[in-house]
Amino acid sequence: MTTGTNRIMDEFAKLMTDAAGAAQGVRKEIETAFNAHAERWLNSMDIVKREEFEAVREMAIKARDENEALAARIADLEARLAAKGK
């Protein structure tokens, strides 16, 4: 009788393993569908991705620094012109 009980337990364990695998597969499918839906929704709202925001932010910082350097250079050149005119 021990063999019969072991066989039932083995079959039950196999059934539980298969059910766990199926549940994990369903979970992955739901996550994929949710992520795709969320991405479509965010794209429809024209929300900027963080990577894009950071790239534009870096460009703005660089442009501001260049603008400040050019303003200082112009002020220096104007001061030189004013000194020559005197």
PDB file of N, CA and C in Angstrom:
ATOM      1  N   MET A   1       0.820  -1.181   0.000  1.00  0.00           N
ATOM      2  CA  MET A   1       0.000   0.000   0.000  1.00  0.00           C
ATOM      3  C   MET A   1       0.870   1.254   0.000  1.00  0.00           C
ATOM      4  N   THR A   2       2.082   1.155   0.444  1.00  0.00           N
ATOM      5  CA  THR A   2       2.981   2.294   0.479  1.00  0.00           C
ATOM      6  C   THR A   2       3.226   2.816  -0.924  1.00  0.00           C
ATOM      7  N   THR A   3       3.310   1.931  -1.889  1.00  0.00           N
ATOM      8  CA  THR A   3       3.555   2.344  -3.268  1.00  0.00           C
ATOM      9  C   THR A   3       2.390   3.154  -3.805  1.00  0.00           C
ATOM     10  N   GLY A   4       1.171   2.772  -3.494  1.00  0.00           N
ATOM     11  CA  GLY A   4      -0.002   3.499  -3.950  1.00  0.00           C
ATOM     12  C   GLY A   4      -0.059   4.901  -3.373  1.00  0.00           C
ATOM     13  N   THR A   5       0.245   5.049  -2.107  1.00  0.00           N
ATOM     14  CA  THR A   5       0.235   6.358  -1.460  1.00  0.00           C
ATOM     15  C   THR A   5       1.324   7.246  -2.045  1.00  0.00           C
ATOM     16  N   ASN A   6       2.511   6.661  -2.272  1.00  0.00           N
ATOM     17  CA  ASN A   6       3.604   7.433  -2.866  1.00  0.00           C
ATOM     18  C   ASN A   6       3.249   7.885  -4.280  1.00  0.00           C
ATOM     19  N   ARG A   7       2.589   7.023  -5.019  1.00  0.00           N
ATOM     20  CA  ARG A   7       2.198   7.365  -6.383  1.00  0.00           C
ATOM     21  C   ARG A   7       1.207   8.531  -6.373  1.00  0.00           C
ATOM     22  N   ILE A   8       0.255   8.490  -5.459  1.00  0.00           N
ATOM     23  CA  ILE A   8      -0.730   9.575  -5.350  1.00  0.00           C
ATOM     24  C   ILE A   8      -0.030  10.870  -4.955  1.00  0.00           C
ATOM     25  N   MET A   9       0.894  10.787  -3.997  1.00  0.00           N
ATOM     26  CA  MET A   9       1.625  11.980  -3.570  1.00  0.00           C
ATOM     27  C   MET A   9       2.491  12.522  -4.713  1.00  0.00           C
ATOM     28  N   ASP A  10       3.116  11.621  -5.467  1.00  0.00           N
ATOM     29  CA  ASP A  10       3.933  12.049  -6.611  1.00  0.00           C
ATOM     30  C   ASP A  10       3.073  12.755  -7.653  1.00  0.00           C
ATOM     31  N   GLU A  11       1.926  12.180  -7.933  1.00  0.00           N
ATOM     32  CA  GLU A  11       1.013  12.795  -8.898  1.00  0.00           C
ATOM     33  C   GLU A  11       0.514  14.151  -8.396  1.00  0.00           C
ATOM     34  N   PHE A  12       0.221  14.218  -7.108  1.00  0.00           N
ATOM     35  CA  PHE A  12      -0.233  15.474  -6.521  1.00  0.00           C
ATOM     36  C   PHE A  12       0.879  16.529  -6.584  1.00  0.00           C
ATOM     37  N   ALA A  13       2.101  16.132  -6.277  1.00  0.00           N
ATOM     38  CA  ALA A  13       3.238  17.055  -6.335  1.00  0.00           C
ATOM     39  C   ALA A  13       3.445  17.535  -7.769  1.00  0.00           C
ATOM     40  N   LYS A  14       3.327  16.628  -8.730  1.00  0.00           N
ATOM     41  CA  LYS A  14       3.475  17.006 -10.145  1.00  0.00           C
ATOM     42  C   LYS A  14       2.375  17.980 -10.544  1.00  0.00           C
ATOM     43  N   LEU A  15       1.163  17.725 -10.105  1.00  0.00           N
ATOM     44  CA  LEU A  15       0.035  18.599 -10.402  1.00  0.00           C
ATOM     45  C   LEU A  15       0.263  19.992  -9.814  1.00  0.00           C
ATOM     46  N   MET A  16       0.752  20.059  -8.595  1.00  0.00           N
ATOM     47  CA  MET A  16       1.023  21.353  -7.954  1.00  0.00           C
ATOM     48  C   MET A  16       2.152  22.097  -8.672  1.00  0.00           C
ATOM     49  N   THR A  17       3.176  21.371  -9.094  1.00  0.00           N
ATOM     50  CA  THR A  17       4.287  21.989  -9.821  1.00  0.00           C
ATOM     51  C   THR A  17       3.797  22.559 -11.146  1.00  0.00           C
ATOM     52  N   ASP A  18       2.968  21.780 -11.852  1.00  0.00           N
ATOM     53  CA  ASP A  18       2.409  22.261 -13.119  1.00  0.00           C
ATOM     54  C   ASP A  18       1.508  23.476 -12.902  1.00  0.00           C
ATOM     55  N   ALA A  19       0.720  23.448 -11.832  1.00  0.00           N
ATOM     56  CA  ALA A  19      -0.160  24.577 -11.532  1.00  0.00           C
ATOM     57  C   ALA A  19       0.649  25.825 -11.202  1.00  0.00           C
ATOM     58  N   ALA A  20       1.741  25.662 -10.459  1.00  0.00           N
ATOM     59  CA  ALA A  20       2.594  26.803 -10.122  1.00  0.00           C
ATOM     60  C   ALA A  20       3.223  27.375 -11.385  1.00  0.00           C
ATOM     61  N   GLY A  21       3.663  26.509 -12.282  1.00  0.00           N
ATOM     62  CA  GLY A  21       4.238  26.973 -13.553  1.00  0.00           C
ATOM     63  C   GLY A  21       3.213  27.713 -14.382  1.00  0.00           C
ATOM     64  N   ALA A  22       2.001  27.186 -14.430  1.00  0.00           N
ATOM     65  CA  ALA A  22       0.931  27.848 -15.184  1.00  0.00           C
ATOM     66  C   ALA A  22       0.595  29.199 -14.565  1.00  0.00           C
ATOM     67  N   ALA A  23       0.548  29.262 -13.246  1.00  0.00           N
ATOM     68  CA  ALA A  23       0.242  30.526 -12.573  1.00  0.00           C
ATOM     69  C   ALA A  23       1.330  31.555 -12.842  1.00  0.00           C
ATOM     70  N   GLN A  24       2.569  31.114 -12.863  1.00  0.00           N
ATOM     71  CA  GLN A  24       3.674  32.037 -13.153  1.00  0.00           C
ATOM     72  C   GLN A  24       3.576  32.536 -14.591  1.00  0.00           C
ATOM     73  N   GLY A  25       3.219  31.663 -15.507  1.00  0.00           N
ATOM     74  CA  GLY A  25       3.041  32.066 -16.902  1.00  0.00           C
ATOM     75  C   GLY A  25       1.927  33.093 -17.055  1.00  0.00           C
ATOM     76  N   VAL A  26       0.826  32.875 -16.349  1.00  0.00           N
ATOM     77  CA  VAL A  26      -0.297  33.820 -16.389  1.00  0.00           C
ATOM     78  C   VAL A  26       0.136  35.160 -15.801  1.00  0.00           C
ATOM     79  N   ARG A  27       0.898  35.118 -14.700  1.00  0.00           N
ATOM     80  CA  ARG A  27       1.387  36.354 -14.083  1.00  0.00           C
ATOM     81  C   ARG A  27       2.254  37.148 -15.050  1.00  0.00           C
ATOM     82  N   LYS A  28       3.140  36.464 -15.777  1.00  0.00           N
ATOM     83  CA  LYS A  28       4.006  37.152 -16.733  1.00  0.00           C
ATOM     84  C   LYS A  28       3.185  37.757 -17.866  1.00  0.00           C
ATOM     85  N   GLU A  29       2.182  37.030 -18.329  1.00  0.00           N
ATOM     86  CA  GLU A  29       1.321  37.553 -19.396  1.00  0.00           C
ATOM     87  C   GLU A  29       0.564  38.795 -18.926  1.00  0.00           C
ATOM     88  N   ILE A  30       0.059  38.755 -17.706  1.00  0.00           N
ATOM     89  CA  ILE A  30      -0.672  39.902 -17.165  1.00  0.00           C
ATOM     90  C   ILE A  30       0.265  41.100 -17.012  1.00  0.00           C
ATOM     91  N   GLU A  31       1.483  40.869 -16.508  1.00  0.00           N
ATOM     92  CA  GLU A  31       2.454  41.959 -16.368  1.00  0.00           C
ATOM     93  C   GLU A  31       2.783  42.574 -17.721  1.00  0.00           C
ATOM     94  N   THR A  32       2.997  41.725 -18.715  1.00  0.00           N
ATOM     95  CA  THR A  32       3.316  42.215 -20.055  1.00  0.00           C
ATOM     96  C   THR A  32       2.171  43.039 -20.621  1.00  0.00           C
ATOM     97  N   ALA A  33       0.961  42.534 -20.477  1.00  0.00           N
ATOM     98  CA  ALA A  33      -0.205  43.263 -20.976  1.00  0.00           C
ATOM     99  C   ALA A  33      -0.376  44.584 -20.233  1.00  0.00           C
ATOM    100  N   PHE A  34      -0.198  44.568 -18.924  1.00  0.00           N
ATOM    101  CA  PHE A  34      -0.333  45.791 -18.127  1.00  0.00           C
ATOM    102  C   PHE A  34       0.718  46.812 -18.531  1.00  0.00           C
ATOM    103  N   ASN A  35       1.974  46.358 -18.665  1.00  0.00           N
ATOM    104  CA  ASN A  35       3.048  47.278 -19.056  1.00  0.00           C
ATOM    105  C   ASN A  35       2.799  47.881 -20.435  1.00  0.00           C
ATOM    106  N   ALA A  36       2.339  47.067 -21.360  1.00  0.00           N
ATOM    107  CA  ALA A  36       2.054  47.572 -22.704  1.00  0.00           C
ATOM    108  C   ALA A  36       0.918  48.597 -22.659  1.00  0.00           C
ATOM    109  N   HIS A  37      -0.119  48.297 -21.892  1.00  0.00           N
ATOM    110  CA  HIS A  37      -1.248  49.216 -21.776  1.00  0.00           C
ATOM    111  C   HIS A  37      -0.810  50.520 -21.099  1.00  0.00           C
ATOM    112  N   ALA A  38      -0.023  50.404 -20.028  1.00  0.00           N
ATOM    113  CA  ALA A  38       0.453  51.597 -19.319  1.00  0.00           C
ATOM    114  C   ALA A  38       1.336  52.443 -20.228  1.00  0.00           C
ATOM    115  N   GLU A  39       2.194  51.797 -21.014  1.00  0.00           N
ATOM    116  CA  GLU A  39       3.066  52.544 -21.927  1.00  0.00           C
ATOM    117  C   GLU A  39       2.251  53.265 -22.999  1.00  0.00           C
ATOM    118  N   ARG A  40       1.235  52.596 -23.546  1.00  0.00           N
ATOM    119  CA  ARG A  40       0.357  53.249 -24.534  1.00  0.00           C
ATOM    120  C   ARG A  40      -0.353  54.443 -23.905  1.00  0.00           C
ATOM    121  N   TRP A  41      -0.821  54.273 -22.690  1.00  0.00           N
ATOM    122  CA  TRP A  41      -1.529  55.344 -21.996  1.00  0.00           C
ATOM    123  C   TRP A  41      -0.600  56.534 -21.749  1.00  0.00           C
ATOM    124  N   LEU A  42       0.617  56.258 -21.267  1.00  0.00           N
ATOM    125  CA  LEU A  42       1.567  57.340 -21.017  1.00  0.00           C
ATOM    126  C   LEU A  42       1.970  58.030 -22.322  1.00  0.00           C
ATOM    127  N   ASN A  43       2.153  57.262 -23.392  1.00  0.00           N
ATOM    128  CA  ASN A  43       2.503  57.856 -24.684  1.00  0.00           C
ATOM    129  C   ASN A  43       1.379  58.749 -25.205  1.00  0.00           C
ATOM    130  N   SER A  44       0.144  58.370 -24.935  1.00  0.00           N
ATOM    131  CA  SER A  44      -0.980  59.184 -25.393  1.00  0.00           C
ATOM    132  C   SER A  44      -1.058  60.512 -24.641  1.00  0.00           C
ATOM    133  N   MET A  45      -0.447  60.557 -23.452  1.00  0.00           N
ATOM    134  CA  MET A  45      -0.460  61.772 -22.652  1.00  0.00           C
ATOM    135  C   MET A  45       0.756  62.654 -22.936  1.00  0.00           C
ATOM    136  N   ASP A  46       1.618  62.247 -23.839  1.00  0.00           N
ATOM    137  CA  ASP A  46       2.832  62.989 -24.182  1.00  0.00           C
ATOM    138  C   ASP A  46       3.715  63.236 -22.965  1.00  0.00           C
ATOM    139  N   ILE A  47       3.834  62.251 -22.113  1.00  0.00           N
ATOM    140  CA  ILE A  47       4.713  62.342 -20.944  1.00  0.00           C
ATOM    141  C   ILE A  47       6.124  61.976 -21.386  1.00  0.00           C
ATOM    142  N   VAL A  48       7.072  62.774 -20.948  1.00  0.00           N
ATOM    143  CA  VAL A  48       8.462  62.579 -21.350  1.00  0.00           C
ATOM    144  C   VAL A  48       9.104  61.511 -20.475  1.00  0.00           C
ATOM    145  N   LYS A  49       9.906  60.647 -21.106  1.00  0.00           N
ATOM    146  CA  LYS A  49      10.640  59.644 -20.339  1.00  0.00           C
ATOM    147  C   LYS A  49      11.792  60.309 -19.608  1.00  0.00           C
ATOM    148  N   ARG A  50      12.194  59.719 -18.516  1.00  0.00           N
ATOM    149  CA  ARG A  50      13.245  60.284 -17.682  1.00  0.00           C
ATOM    150  C   ARG A  50      14.539  60.465 -18.463  1.00  0.00           C
ATOM    151  N   GLU A  51      14.904  59.508 -19.306  1.00  0.00           N
ATOM    152  CA  GLU A  51      16.141  59.609 -20.079  1.00  0.00           C
ATOM    153  C   GLU A  51      16.100  60.826 -20.997  1.00  0.00           C
ATOM    154  N   GLU A  52      14.949  61.039 -21.637  1.00  0.00           N
ATOM    155  CA  GLU A  52      14.809  62.193 -22.527  1.00  0.00           C
ATOM    156  C   GLU A  52      14.882  63.494 -21.742  1.00  0.00           C
ATOM    157  N   PHE A  53      14.230  63.516 -20.581  1.00  0.00           N
ATOM    158  CA  PHE A  53      14.255  64.708 -19.740  1.00  0.00           C
ATOM    159  C   PHE A  53      15.678  65.034 -19.315  1.00  0.00           C
ATOM    160  N   GLU A  54      16.428  64.023 -18.872  1.00  0.00           N
ATOM    161  CA  GLU A  54      17.801  64.238 -18.419  1.00  0.00           C
ATOM    162  C   GLU A  54      18.676  64.738 -19.570  1.00  0.00           C
ATOM    163  N   ALA A  55      18.462  64.214 -20.781  1.00  0.00           N
ATOM    164  CA  ALA A  55      19.256  64.655 -21.931  1.00  0.00           C
ATOM    165  C   ALA A  55      18.986  66.127 -22.233  1.00  0.00           C
ATOM    166  N   VAL A  56      17.725  66.521 -22.229  1.00  0.00           N
ATOM    167  CA  VAL A  56      17.376  67.919 -22.496  1.00  0.00           C
ATOM    168  C   VAL A  56      17.871  68.819 -21.364  1.00  0.00           C
ATOM    169  N   ARG A  57      17.802  68.326 -20.148  1.00  0.00           N
ATOM    170  CA  ARG A  57      18.290  69.095 -18.993  1.00  0.00           C
ATOM    171  C   ARG A  57      19.784  69.374 -19.136  1.00  0.00           C
ATOM    172  N   GLU A  58      20.548  68.367 -19.512  1.00  0.00           N
ATOM    173  CA  GLU A  58      21.990  68.543 -19.708  1.00  0.00           C
ATOM    174  C   GLU A  58      22.267  69.537 -20.834  1.00  0.00           C
ATOM    175  N   MET A  59      21.482  69.473 -21.896  1.00  0.00           N
ATOM    176  CA  MET A  59      21.647  70.422 -23.000  1.00  0.00           C
ATOM    177  C   MET A  59      21.365  71.849 -22.525  1.00  0.00           C
ATOM    178  N   ALA A  60      20.337  72.017 -21.698  1.00  0.00           N
ATOM    179  CA  ALA A  60      19.984  73.347 -21.193  1.00  0.00           C
ATOM    180  C   ALA A  60      21.081  73.893 -20.280  1.00  0.00           C
ATOM    181  N   ILE A  61      21.637  73.039 -19.439  1.00  0.00           N
ATOM    182  CA  ILE A  61      22.727  73.469 -18.555  1.00  0.00           C
ATOM    183  C   ILE A  61      23.934  73.898 -19.377  1.00  0.00           C
ATOM    184  N   LYS A  62      24.251  73.108 -20.386  1.00  0.00           N
ATOM    185  CA  LYS A  62      25.393  73.446 -21.252  1.00  0.00           C
ATOM    186  C   LYS A  62      25.140  74.761 -21.977  1.00  0.00           C
ATOM    187  N   ALA A  63      23.936  74.950 -22.500  1.00  0.00           N
ATOM    188  CA  ALA A  63      23.603  76.182 -23.213  1.00  0.00           C
ATOM    189  C   ALA A  63      23.669  77.389 -22.275  1.00  0.00           C
ATOM    190  N   ARG A  64      23.178  77.228 -21.048  1.00  0.00           N
ATOM    191  CA  ARG A  64      23.234  78.321 -20.085  1.00  0.00           C
ATOM    192  C   ARG A  64      24.679  78.695 -19.754  1.00  0.00           C
ATOM    193  N   ASP A  65      25.527  77.681 -19.556  1.00  0.00           N
ATOM    194  CA  ASP A  65      26.942  77.940 -19.267  1.00  0.00           C
ATOM    195  C   ASP A  65      27.617  78.657 -20.435  1.00  0.00           C
ATOM    196  N   GLU A  66      27.318  78.212 -21.659  1.00  0.00           N
ATOM    197  CA  GLU A  66      27.894  78.867 -22.836  1.00  0.00           C
ATOM    198  C   GLU A  66      27.388  80.307 -22.953  1.00  0.00           C
ATOM    199  N   ASN A  67      26.121  80.524 -22.656  1.00  0.00           N
ATOM    200  CA  ASN A  67      25.534  81.865 -22.712  1.00  0.00           C
ATOM    201  C   ASN A  67      26.213  82.794 -21.706  1.00  0.00           C
ATOM    202  N   GLU A  68      26.439  82.297 -20.498  1.00  0.00           N
ATOM    203  CA  GLU A  68      27.110  83.105 -19.479  1.00  0.00           C
ATOM    204  C   GLU A  68      28.547  83.433 -19.901  1.00  0.00           C
ATOM    205  N   ALA A  69      29.242  82.468 -20.494  1.00  0.00           N
ATOM    206  CA  ALA A  69      30.612  82.702 -20.954  1.00  0.00           C
ATOM    207  C   ALA A  69      30.632  83.738 -22.074  1.00  0.00           C
ATOM    208  N   LEU A  70      29.680  83.631 -22.988  1.00  0.00           N
ATOM    209  CA  LEU A  70      29.609  84.601 -24.091  1.00  0.00           C
ATOM    210  C   LEU A  70      29.250  85.994 -23.582  1.00  0.00           C
ATOM    211  N   ALA A  71      28.355  86.074 -22.603  1.00  0.00           N
ATOM    212  CA  ALA A  71      27.984  87.373 -22.035  1.00  0.00           C
ATOM    213  C   ALA A  71      29.196  88.022 -21.378  1.00  0.00           C
ATOM    214  N   ALA A  72      29.996  87.226 -20.663  1.00  0.00           N
ATOM    215  CA  ALA A  72      31.207  87.762 -20.033  1.00  0.00           C
ATOM    216  C   ALA A  72      32.203  88.217 -21.094  1.00  0.00           C
ATOM    217  N   ARG A  73      32.307  87.453 -22.164  1.00  0.00           N
ATOM    218  CA  ARG A  73      33.228  87.817 -23.251  1.00  0.00           C
ATOM    219  C   ARG A  73      32.791  89.116 -23.928  1.00  0.00           C
ATOM    220  N   ILE A  74      31.484  89.255 -24.153  1.00  0.00           N
ATOM    221  CA  ILE A  74      30.962  90.484 -24.769  1.00  0.00           C
ATOM    222  C   ILE A  74      31.221  91.677 -23.854  1.00  0.00           C
ATOM    223  N   ALA A  75      30.979  91.511 -22.571  1.00  0.00           N
ATOM    224  CA  ALA A  75      31.223  92.604 -21.613  1.00  0.00           C
ATOM    225  C   ALA A  75      32.690  93.004 -21.633  1.00  0.00           C
ATOM    226  N   ASP A  76      33.590  92.019 -21.712  1.00  0.00           N
ATOM    227  CA  ASP A  76      35.022  92.308 -21.771  1.00  0.00           C
ATOM    228  C   ASP A  76      35.377  93.059 -23.057  1.00  0.00           C
ATOM    229  N   LEU A  77      34.837  92.610 -24.181  1.00  0.00           N
ATOM    230  CA  LEU A  77      35.112  93.282 -25.464  1.00  0.00           C
ATOM    231  C   LEU A  77      34.554  94.706 -25.478  1.00  0.00           C
ATOM    232  N   GLU A  78      33.362  94.886 -24.916  1.00  0.00           N
ATOM    233  CA  GLU A  78      32.787  96.234 -24.849  1.00  0.00           C
ATOM    234  C   GLU A  78      33.632  97.143 -23.957  1.00  0.00           C
ATOM    235  N   ALA A  79      34.160  96.607 -22.871  1.00  0.00           N
ATOM    236  CA  ALA A  79      35.012  97.381 -21.976  1.00  0.00           C
ATOM    237  C   ALA A  79      36.295  97.779 -22.698  1.00  0.00           C
ATOM    238  N   ARG A  80      36.852  96.874 -23.477  1.00  0.00           N
ATOM    239  CA  ARG A  80      38.077  97.187 -24.244  1.00  0.00           C
ATOM    240  C   ARG A  80      37.804  98.273 -25.286  1.00  0.00           C
ATOM    241  N   LEU A  81      36.663  98.150 -25.972  1.00  0.00           N
ATOM    242  CA  LEU A  81      36.306  99.161 -26.980  1.00  0.00           C
ATOM    243  C   LEU A  81      36.112 100.520 -26.322  1.00  0.00           C
ATOM    244  N   ALA A  82      35.464 100.506 -25.161  1.00  0.00           N
ATOM    245  CA  ALA A  82      35.231 101.773 -24.461  1.00  0.00           C
ATOM    246  C   ALA A  82      36.554 102.382 -24.011  1.00  0.00           C
ATOM    247  N   ALA A  83      37.501 101.537 -23.604  1.00  0.00           N
ATOM    248  CA  ALA A  83      38.808 102.031 -23.148  1.00  0.00           C
ATOM    249  C   ALA A  83      39.608 102.588 -24.325  1.00  0.00           C
ATOM    250  N   LYS A  84      39.481 102.004 -25.489  1.00  0.00           N
ATOM    251  CA  LYS A  84      40.185 102.481 -26.673  1.00  0.00           C
ATOM    252  C   LYS A  84      39.624 103.797 -27.152  1.00  0.00           C
ATOM    253  N   GLY A  85      38.337 103.969 -26.997  1.00  0.00           N
ATOM    254  CA  GLY A  85      37.672 105.191 -27.450  1.00  0.00           C
ATOM    255  C   GLY A  85      38.027 106.399 -26.610  1.00  0.00           C
ATOM    256  N   LYS A  86      38.522 106.229 -25.453  1.00  0.00           N
ATOM    257  CA  LYS A  86      38.819 107.364 -24.560  1.00  0.00           C
ATOM    258  C   LYS A  86      40.130 107.951 -24.882  1.00  0.00           C
TER     259      LYS A  86
END
